[in-house]
C-alpha atoms as a PDB file:
ATOM      1  CA  MET A   1      19.028  -0.654   2.953  1.00  0.00           C
ATOM      2  CA  ARG A   2      18.785   0.742  -0.553  1.00  0.00           C
ATOM      3  CA  LYS A   3      19.897  -2.511  -2.158  1.00  0.00           C
ATOM      4  CA  ILE A   4      17.325  -4.509  -0.173  1.00  0.00           C
ATOM      5  CA  ILE A   5      14.540  -2.045  -1.004  1.00  0.00           C
ATOM      6  CA  LYS A   6      15.491  -2.059  -4.684  1.00  0.00           C
ATOM      7  CA  TYR A   7      15.590  -5.854  -4.824  1.00  0.00           C
ATOM      8  CA  VAL A   8      12.226  -6.240  -3.067  1.00  0.00           C
ATOM      9  CA  MET A   9      10.506  -3.626  -5.217  1.00  0.00           C
ATOM     10  CA  LEU A  10      11.829  -5.026  -8.494  1.00  0.00           C
ATOM     11  CA  ASP A  11      10.904  -8.537  -7.439  1.00  0.00           C
ATOM     12  CA  ILE A  12       7.345  -7.539  -6.507  1.00  0.00           C
ATOM     13  CA  LEU A  13       6.702  -5.245  -9.479  1.00  0.00           C
ATOM     14  CA  ARG A  14       7.592  -8.121 -11.812  1.00  0.00           C
ATOM     15  CA  ASN A  15       5.152 -10.399 -10.012  1.00  0.00           C
ATOM     16  CA  LYS A  16       2.211 -11.497 -12.175  1.00  0.00           C
ATOM     17  CA  ILE A  17      -0.258 -10.978  -9.334  1.00  0.00           C
ATOM     18  CA  ILE A  18       0.752  -7.337  -8.920  1.00  0.00           C
ATOM     19  CA  ILE A  19       0.555  -6.753 -12.672  1.00  0.00           C
ATOM     20  CA  ALA A  20      -2.899  -8.367 -12.746  1.00  0.00           C
ATOM     21  CA  TYR A  21      -3.908  -6.227  -9.740  1.00  0.00           C
ATOM     22  CA  ALA A  22      -2.978  -3.015 -11.568  1.00  0.00           C
ATOM     23  CA  CYS A  23      -4.768  -4.144 -14.736  1.00  0.00           C
ATOM     24  CA  LEU A  24      -7.879  -5.042 -12.717  1.00  0.00           C
ATOM     25  CA  LEU A  25      -7.980  -1.544 -11.235  1.00  0.00           C
ATOM     26  CA  VAL A  26      -7.713  -0.045 -14.717  1.00  0.00           C
ATOM     27  CA  LEU A  27     -10.586  -2.180 -16.046  1.00  0.00           C
ATOM     28  CA  LEU A  28     -12.791  -1.520 -13.030  1.00  0.00           C
ATOM     29  CA  GLY A  29     -12.107   2.196 -13.214  1.00  0.00           C
ATOM     30  CA  PHE A  30     -13.087   2.515 -16.870  1.00  0.00           C
ATOM     31  CA  SER A  31     -16.116   0.254 -16.385  1.00  0.00           C
ATOM     32  CA  LEU A  32     -17.468   2.179 -13.387  1.00  0.00           C
ATOM     33  CA  PHE A  33     -17.025   5.579 -15.003  1.00  0.00           C
ATOM     34  CA  ASN A  34     -18.712   4.369 -18.219  1.00  0.00           C
ATOM     35  CA  MET A  35     -21.663   2.840 -16.348  1.00  0.00           C
ATOM     36  CA  ASN A  36     -22.453   6.008 -14.393  1.00  0.00           C
ATOM     37  CA  ASP A  37     -23.878   9.153 -15.926  1.00  0.00           C
ATOM     38  CA  SER A  38     -21.809  11.527 -13.769  1.00  0.00           C
ATOM     39  CA  THR A  39     -18.216  11.708 -12.670  1.00  0.00           C
ATOM     40  CA  ASP A  40     -19.137  11.928  -8.977  1.00  0.00           C
ATOM     41  CA  LYS A  41     -21.143   8.695  -9.125  1.00  0.00           C
ATOM     42  CA  GLY A  42     -18.321   6.935 -10.949  1.00  0.00           C
ATOM     43  CA  LEU A  43     -15.830   8.200  -8.399  1.00  0.00           C
ATOM     44  CA  LEU A  44     -18.050   7.055  -5.541  1.00  0.00           C
ATOM     45  CA  SER A  45     -18.382   3.589  -7.064  1.00  0.00           C
ATOM     46  CA  LEU A  46     -14.627   3.383  -7.614  1.00  0.00           C
ATOM     47  CA  MET A  47     -14.056   4.477  -4.029  1.00  0.00           C
ATOM     48  CA  ASN A  48     -16.211   1.619  -2.728  1.00  0.00           C
ATOM     49  CA  VAL A  49     -14.289  -0.854  -4.877  1.00  0.00           C
ATOM     50  CA  VAL A  50     -10.945   0.550  -3.729  1.00  0.00           C
ATOM     51  CA  LEU A  51     -11.965   0.250  -0.077  1.00  0.00           C
ATOM     52  CA  ILE A  52     -12.582  -3.470  -0.598  1.00  0.00           C
ATOM     53  CA  ILE A  53      -9.902  -4.569  -3.064  1.00  0.00           C
ATOM     54  CA  VAL A  54      -6.906  -2.567  -1.851  1.00  0.00           C
ATOM     55  CA  PRO A  55      -6.976  -3.881   1.761  1.00  0.00           C
ATOM     56  CA  LEU A  56      -7.538  -7.456   0.558  1.00  0.00           C
ATOM     57  CA  VAL A  57      -4.647  -7.448  -1.905  1.00  0.00           C
ATOM     58  CA  SER A  58      -2.328  -5.587   0.470  1.00  0.00           C
ATOM     59  CA  LEU A  59      -3.002  -7.987   3.351  1.00  0.00           C
ATOM     60  CA  VAL A  60      -2.973 -11.329   1.540  1.00  0.00           C
ATOM     61  CA  PHE A  61      -0.211 -10.572  -0.956  1.00  0.00           C
ATOM     62  CA  SER A  62       2.049  -9.102   1.732  1.00  0.00           C
ATOM     63  CA  ALA A  63       1.577 -12.167   3.926  1.00  0.00           C
ATOM     64  CA  ILE A  64       2.253 -14.606   1.083  1.00  0.00           C
ATOM     65  CA  TYR A  65       5.316 -12.693  -0.065  1.00  0.00           C
ATOM     66  CA  LEU A  66       6.846 -12.551   3.409  1.00  0.00           C
ATOM     67  CA  TYR A  67       6.275 -16.263   4.010  1.00  0.00           C
ATOM     68  CA  ASN A  68       7.823 -17.113   0.649  1.00  0.00           C
ATOM     69  CA  ALA A  69      10.774 -14.844   1.439  1.00  0.00           C
ATOM     70  CA  THR A  70      11.574 -16.600   4.718  1.00  0.00           C
ATOM     71  CA  GLU A  71      14.876 -18.010   3.462  1.00  0.00           C
ATOM     72  CA  PHE A  72      15.843 -14.620   2.022  1.00  0.00           C
ATOM     73  CA  ILE A  73      15.098 -12.950   5.375  1.00  0.00           C
ATOM     74  CA  GLU A  74      17.132 -15.585   7.240  1.00  0.00           C
ATOM     75  CA  LEU A  75      20.024 -14.960   4.849  1.00  0.00           C
ATOM     76  CA  LEU A  76      19.862 -11.217   5.519  1.00  0.00           C
ATOM     77  CA  VAL A  77      19.766 -11.789   9.274  1.00  0.00           C
ATOM     78  CA  SER A  78      22.928 -13.888   9.051  1.00  0.00           C
ATOM     79  CA  GLN A  79      24.724 -10.932   7.476  1.00  0.00           C
ATOM     80  CA  PRO A  80      26.182  -7.994   9.461  1.00  0.00           C
ATOM     81  CA  ILE A  81      22.991  -5.986   8.962  1.00  0.00           C
ATOM     82  CA  ARG A  82      20.826  -4.690  11.763  1.00  0.00           C
ATOM     83  CA  ARG A  83      17.455  -6.382  12.037  1.00  0.00           C
ATOM     84  CA  ARG A  84      15.841  -2.964  12.215  1.00  0.00           C
ATOM     85  CA  ASP A  85      17.244  -2.062   8.791  1.00  0.00           C
ATOM     86  CA  ILE A  86      16.159  -5.398   7.324  1.00  0.00           C
ATOM     87  CA  TRP A  87      12.570  -5.117   8.533  1.00  0.00           C
ATOM     88  CA  LEU A  88      12.165  -1.472   7.549  1.00  0.00           C
ATOM     89  CA  SER A  89      13.654  -2.205   4.127  1.00  0.00           C
ATOM     90  CA  LEU A  90      11.218  -5.072   3.594  1.00  0.00           C
ATOM     91  CA  PHE A  91       8.332  -2.846   4.639  1.00  0.00           C
ATOM     92  CA  THR A  92       9.447   0.016   2.393  1.00  0.00           C
ATOM     93  CA  GLY A  93       9.855  -2.233  -0.616  1.00  0.00           C
ATOM     94  CA  LEU A  94       6.598  -4.076  -0.025  1.00  0.00           C
ATOM     95  CA  ALA A  95       4.453  -1.022   0.757  1.00  0.00           C
ATOM     96  CA  GLY A  96       6.104   1.009  -1.995  1.00  0.00           C
ATOM     97  CA  SER A  97       5.427  -1.658  -4.615  1.00  0.00           C
ATOM     98  CA  LEU A  98       1.783  -2.002  -3.590  1.00  0.00           C
ATOM     99  CA  ALA A  99       1.378   1.770  -3.675  1.00  0.00           C
ATOM    100  CA  ILE A 100       2.958   1.998  -7.131  1.00  0.00           C
ATOM    101  CA  ALA A 101       0.704  -0.769  -8.452  1.00  0.00           C
ATOM    102  CA  PHE A 102      -2.347   1.006  -7.052  1.00  0.00           C
ATOM    103  CA  LEU A 103      -1.353   4.382  -8.485  1.00  0.00           C
ATOM    104  CA  ALA A 104      -0.566   2.856 -11.879  1.00  0.00           C
ATOM    105  CA  GLY A 105      -3.902   1.061 -12.037  1.00  0.00           C
ATOM    106  CA  CYS A 106      -6.200   3.683 -10.524  1.00  0.00           C
ATOM    107  CA  SER A 107      -4.777   6.956 -11.806  1.00  0.00           C
ATOM    108  CA  ILE A 108      -5.304   6.202 -15.510  1.00  0.00           C
ATOM    109  CA  PRO A 109      -9.140   5.892 -15.521  1.00  0.00           C
ATOM    110  CA  VAL A 110      -9.558   8.637 -12.908  1.00  0.00           C
ATOM    111  CA  LEU A 111      -7.451  11.150 -14.816  1.00  0.00           C
ATOM    112  CA  ILE A 112      -9.103  10.338 -18.140  1.00  0.00           C
ATOM    113  CA  SER A 113     -12.546  10.760 -16.576  1.00  0.00           C
ATOM    114  CA  GLY A 114     -11.705  14.362 -15.741  1.00  0.00           C
ATOM    115  CA  ALA A 115     -12.366  14.089 -11.976  1.00  0.00           C
ATOM    116  CA  MET A 116      -9.493  16.425 -11.234  1.00  0.00           C
ATOM    117  CA  LYS A 117     -10.998  17.857  -8.034  1.00  0.00           C
ATOM    118  CA  GLU A 118     -11.124  14.582  -6.122  1.00  0.00           C
ATOM    119  CA  VAL A 119      -8.442  12.590  -7.938  1.00  0.00           C
ATOM    120  CA  GLY A 120      -5.684  13.601  -5.531  1.00  0.00           C
ATOM    121  CA  LEU A 121      -7.684  12.592  -2.478  1.00  0.00           C
ATOM    122  CA  LEU A 122      -8.716   9.214  -3.900  1.00  0.00           C
ATOM    123  CA  LEU A 123      -5.158   8.363  -4.916  1.00  0.00           C
ATOM    124  CA  PHE A 124      -3.863   9.527  -1.537  1.00  0.00           C
ATOM    125  CA  ILE A 125      -6.391   7.409   0.372  1.00  0.00           C
ATOM    126  CA  GLY A 126      -5.725   4.326  -1.760  1.00  0.00           C
ATOM    127  CA  THR A 127      -1.977   4.715  -1.366  1.00  0.00           C
ATOM    128  CA  LEU A 128      -2.303   5.167   2.386  1.00  0.00           C
ATOM    129  CA  LEU A 129      -4.521   2.081   2.655  1.00  0.00           C
ATOM    130  CA  SER A 130      -1.925   0.056   0.740  1.00  0.00           C
ATOM    131  CA  ILE A 131       0.734   1.112   3.238  1.00  0.00           C
ATOM    132  CA  ILE A 132      -1.522   0.586   6.281  1.00  0.00           C
ATOM    133  CA  PHE A 133      -2.519  -2.953   5.412  1.00  0.00           C
ATOM    134  CA  ALA A 134       1.014  -3.882   4.391  1.00  0.00           C
ATOM    135  CA  ALA A 135       2.065  -2.872   7.925  1.00  0.00           C
ATOM    136  CA  ILE A 136      -0.807  -4.868   9.454  1.00  0.00           C
ATOM    137  CA  ALA A 137       0.144  -7.904   7.357  1.00  0.00           C
ATOM    138  CA  MET A 138       3.740  -7.691   8.567  1.00  0.00           C
ATOM    139  CA  LEU A 139       2.490  -7.594  12.152  1.00  0.00           C
ATOM    140  CA  ALA A 140       0.355 -10.694  11.560  1.00  0.00           C
ATOM    141  CA  VAL A 141       3.184 -12.580   9.844  1.00  0.00           C
ATOM    142  CA  VAL A 142       5.806 -11.850  12.484  1.00  0.00           C
ATOM    143  CA  HIS A 143       3.518 -13.307  15.166  1.00  0.00           C
ATOM    144  CA  THR A 144       2.521 -16.415  13.157  1.00  0.00           C
ATOM    145  CA  ARG A 145       5.080 -18.961  12.019  1.00  0.00           C
ATOM    146  CA  ASP A 146       2.668 -21.210  10.136  1.00  0.00           C
ATOM    147  CA  LYS A 147       1.928 -19.975   6.622  1.00  0.00           C
ATOM    148  CA  ALA A 148      -1.643 -21.280   6.483  1.00  0.00           C
ATOM    149  CA  ARG A 149      -2.518 -19.702   9.814  1.00  0.00           C
ATOM    150  CA  GLY A 150      -0.902 -16.428   8.826  1.00  0.00           C
ATOM    151  CA  ILE A 151      -2.799 -16.168   5.552  1.00  0.00           C
ATOM    152  CA  GLY A 152      -5.999 -17.177   7.332  1.00  0.00           C
ATOM    153  CA  LEU A 153      -5.397 -14.498   9.952  1.00  0.00           C
ATOM    154  CA  THR A 154      -4.887 -11.779   7.342  1.00  0.00           C
ATOM    155  CA  THR A 155      -8.083 -12.877   5.561  1.00  0.00           C
ATOM    156  CA  MET A 156     -10.002 -12.687   8.833  1.00  0.00           C
ATOM    157  CA  LEU A 157      -8.592  -9.228   9.479  1.00  0.00           C
ATOM    158  CA  TRP A 158      -9.858  -8.127   6.081  1.00  0.00           C
ATOM    159  CA  LEU A 159     -13.318  -9.531   6.812  1.00  0.00           C
ATOM    160  CA  PHE A 160     -13.336  -7.774  10.165  1.00  0.00           C
ATOM    161  CA  PHE A 161     -12.383  -4.361   8.825  1.00  0.00           C
ATOM    162  CA  THR A 162     -14.637  -4.513   5.743  1.00  0.00           C
ATOM    163  CA  LEU A 163     -17.735  -6.322   7.059  1.00  0.00           C
ATOM    164  CA  LEU A 164     -17.818  -7.203  10.738  1.00  0.00           C
ATOM    165  CA  PHE A 165     -16.766  -3.859  12.176  1.00  0.00           C
ATOM    166  CA  ASP A 166     -19.802  -1.909  10.952  1.00  0.00           C
ATOM    167  CA  GLY A 167     -22.054  -4.750  12.045  1.00  0.00           C
ATOM    168  CA  ILE A 168     -20.644  -4.590  15.566  1.00  0.00           C
ATOM    169  CA  VAL A 169     -21.044  -0.815  15.646  1.00  0.00           C
ATOM    170  CA  LEU A 170     -24.650  -1.019  14.458  1.00  0.00           C
ATOM    171  CA  PHE A 171     -25.401  -3.682  17.071  1.00  0.00           C
ATOM    172  CA  ILE A 172     -24.001  -1.471  19.832  1.00  0.00           C
ATOM    173  CA  LEU A 173     -25.909   1.510  18.480  1.00  0.00           C
ATOM    174  CA  PHE A 174     -29.249  -0.280  18.498  1.00  0.00           C
ATOM    175  CA  GLN A 175     -28.649  -1.874  21.891  1.00  0.00           C
ATOM    176  CA  PHE A 176     -27.852   1.443  23.542  1.00  0.00           C
ATOM    177  CA  MET A 177     -29.856   3.786  21.338  1.00  0.00           C
ATOM    178  CA  ASP A 178     -31.410   5.480  24.387  1.00  0.00           C
ATOM    179  CA  TYR A 179     -28.005   6.703  25.544  1.00  0.00           C
ATOM    180  CA  PRO A 180     -25.807   9.455  24.056  1.00  0.00           C
ATOM    181  CA  LEU A 181     -23.207   7.524  22.099  1.00  0.00           C
ATOM    182  CA  GLU A 182     -21.772  10.237  19.851  1.00  0.00           C
ATOM    183  CA  LYS A 183     -18.339  10.344  21.483  1.00  0.00           C
ATOM    184  CA  ALA A 184     -18.143   6.568  21.756  1.00  0.00           C
ATOM    185  CA  MET A 185     -19.089   6.201  18.078  1.00  0.00           C
ATOM    186  CA  ILE A 186     -16.372   8.651  17.071  1.00  0.00           C
ATOM    187  CA  VAL A 187     -13.768   6.663  18.996  1.00  0.00           C
ATOM    188  CA  MET A 188     -14.979   3.393  17.469  1.00  0.00           C
ATOM    189  CA  SER A 189     -14.793   4.932  14.004  1.00  0.00           C
ATOM    190  CA  MET A 190     -11.122   5.616  14.546  1.00  0.00           C
ATOM    191  CA  LEU A 191     -10.552   1.897  15.178  1.00  0.00           C
ATOM    192  CA  ASN A 192     -11.179   1.091  11.507  1.00  0.00           C
ATOM    193  CA  PRO A 193      -8.916   2.615   8.808  1.00  0.00           C
ATOM    194  CA  ILE A 194     -11.348   1.627   6.049  1.00  0.00           C
ATOM    195  CA  ASP A 195     -14.203   3.447   7.745  1.00  0.00           C
ATOM    196  CA  LEU A 196     -12.037   6.523   8.286  1.00  0.00           C
ATOM    197  CA  SER A 197     -11.007   6.476   4.625  1.00  0.00           C
ATOM    198  CA  ARG A 198     -14.657   6.331   3.610  1.00  0.00           C
ATOM    199  CA  VAL A 199     -15.387   9.321   5.849  1.00  0.00           C
ATOM    200  CA  ILE A 200     -12.656  11.430   4.275  1.00  0.00           C
ATOM    201  CA  MET A 201     -13.830  10.698   0.726  1.00  0.00           C
ATOM    202  CA  LEU A 202     -17.503  11.246   1.464  1.00  0.00           C
ATOM    203  CA  LEU A 203     -16.777  14.523   3.219  1.00  0.00           C
ATOM    204  CA  GLN A 204     -14.968  15.664   0.095  1.00  0.00           C
ATOM    205  CA  LEU A 205     -17.832  14.542  -2.156  1.00  0.00           C
ATOM    206  CA  ASP A 206     -20.396  15.944   0.319  1.00  0.00           C
ATOM    207  CA  ILE A 207     -22.754  12.965   0.008  1.00  0.00           C
ATOM    208  CA  SER A 208     -23.959  12.722   3.590  1.00  0.00           C
ATOM    209  CA  ALA A 209     -27.106  10.767   2.684  1.00  0.00           C
ATOM    210  CA  MET A 210     -24.985   7.835   1.491  1.00  0.00           C
ATOM    211  CA  MET A 211     -22.763   7.749   4.536  1.00  0.00           C
ATOM    212  CA  GLY A 212     -22.857   4.912   7.027  1.00  0.00           C
ATOM    213  CA  VAL A 213     -23.870   5.344  10.632  1.00  0.00           C
ATOM    214  CA  THR A 214     -20.378   5.750  12.010  1.00  0.00           C
ATOM    215  CA  SER A 215     -19.383   8.069   9.185  1.00  0.00           C
ATOM    216  CA  ALA A 216     -22.420  10.284   9.711  1.00  0.00           C
ATOM    217  CA  VAL A 217     -21.581  10.672  13.395  1.00  0.00           C
ATOM    218  CA  PHE A 218     -17.997  11.480  12.504  1.00  0.00           C
ATOM    219  CA  ARG A 219     -19.130  14.098   9.992  1.00  0.00           C
ATOM    220  CA  SER A 220     -21.460  15.803  12.466  1.00  0.00           C
ATOM    221  CA  ALA A 221     -18.636  16.124  14.984  1.00  0.00           C
ATOM    222  CA  PHE A 222     -15.686  16.793  12.656  1.00  0.00           C
ATOM    223  CA  GLY A 223     -17.176  18.438   9.579  1.00  0.00           C
ATOM    224  CA  SER A 224     -14.288  20.896   9.378  1.00  0.00           C
ATOM    225  CA  PRO A 225     -10.659  21.101   8.207  1.00  0.00           C
ATOM    226  CA  LEU A 226      -9.632  20.218  11.765  1.00  0.00           C
ATOM    227  CA  GLY A 227     -11.688  17.023  11.589  1.00  0.00           C
ATOM    228  CA  MET A 228     -10.073  16.118   8.267  1.00  0.00           C
ATOM    229  CA  GLY A 229      -6.644  16.648   9.778  1.00  0.00           C
ATOM    230  CA  ILE A 230      -7.499  14.456  12.758  1.00  0.00           C
ATOM    231  CA  ALA A 231      -8.769  11.676  10.474  1.00  0.00           C
ATOM    232  CA  ILE A 232      -5.582  11.708   8.383  1.00  0.00           C
ATOM    233  CA  ALA A 233      -3.433  11.771  11.538  1.00  0.00           C
ATOM    234  CA  VAL A 234      -5.267   8.678  12.834  1.00  0.00           C
ATOM    235  CA  LEU A 235      -4.690   6.918   9.509  1.00  0.00           C
ATOM    236  CA  LEU A 236      -0.981   7.671   9.771  1.00  0.00           C
ATOM    237  CA  MET A 237      -1.004   6.165  13.255  1.00  0.00           C
ATOM    238  CA  TRP A 238      -2.417   2.996  11.684  1.00  0.00           C
ATOM    239  CA  VAL A 239       0.877   2.801   9.767  1.00  0.00           C
ATOM    240  CA  VAL A 240       3.196   3.644  12.634  1.00  0.00           C
ATOM    241  CA  LEU A 241       1.770   1.445  15.407  1.00  0.00           C
ATOM    242  CA  PRO A 242       1.593  -1.924  13.545  1.00  0.00           C
ATOM    243  CA  LEU A 243       5.012  -1.309  11.978  1.00  0.00           C
ATOM    244  CA  TRP A 244       6.568  -0.391  15.324  1.00  0.00           C
ATOM    245  CA  SER A 245       5.021  -3.421  17.025  1.00  0.00           C
ATOM    246  CA  SER A 246       6.150  -5.816  14.290  1.00  0.00           C
ATOM    247  CA  LEU A 247       9.640  -4.301  14.333  1.00  0.00           C
ATOM    248  CA  ARG A 248       9.992  -4.851  18.085  1.00  0.00           C
ATOM    249  CA  THR A 249       8.855  -8.463  17.721  1.00  0.00           C
ATOM    250  CA  PHE A 250      11.184  -9.121  14.755  1.00  0.00           C
ATOM    251  CA  GLN A 251      14.202  -7.714  16.595  1.00  0.00           C
ATOM    252  CA  HIS A 252      13.792 -10.294  19.386  1.00  0.00           C
ATOM    253  CA  LYS A 253      12.372 -13.176  17.370  1.00  0.00           C
ATOM    254  CA  ASP A 254      14.255 -16.468  17.098  1.00  0.00           C
ATOM    255  CA  LEU A 255      14.290 -17.312  13.405  1.00  0.00           C
END
């Protein structure tokens, strides 16, 4: 497993797209902190950018890489290596490389800005999102043989999590505004890792006025260390469940 992980990580970290991704995060970080008159505003702006760019790059790049590595995967399967080890090694190398690229690009401007209080949380959330959407991309790829369809599916998933989800929640809220929907809204919030990540960051920054509808409901119900722990646990489940599902499919898939 170590040799596969090492090969995948070295191959990805030398990729021009990943290098450009890290450089883009550096440029955006410095630009946002310089444009805002306070560190908190710069951090909030960077958080919004991270919540959009990180899922997009993690989903699309992971899908493209896996499709391009089809022959390499078939070669590994033909060797006396368990499919479980192959798939987990690919996931570890892919998610690890995306996380390293994010940390390399985002940590430099954040640390220089002096936002030491929230820097750990932002880097943790961005790293976790990289891992989550790498797992979701692997689930999409293992169920879609055609490369064009697979990349299209990952793009649609990104649009759903970043744009459509909040629209659906707002529609439900306005349609049933006469009914108590607090518990239902909390459950729906947990169905979107991007929304949960936004909640965690905004709770740390304590900017409730800028929170979305679902995040505000979540804050009112879980504005405590217990609520933070539950949110992080749900995010970890967003890693485990897609990875477990894709692993089961890969173990029985006819390549």
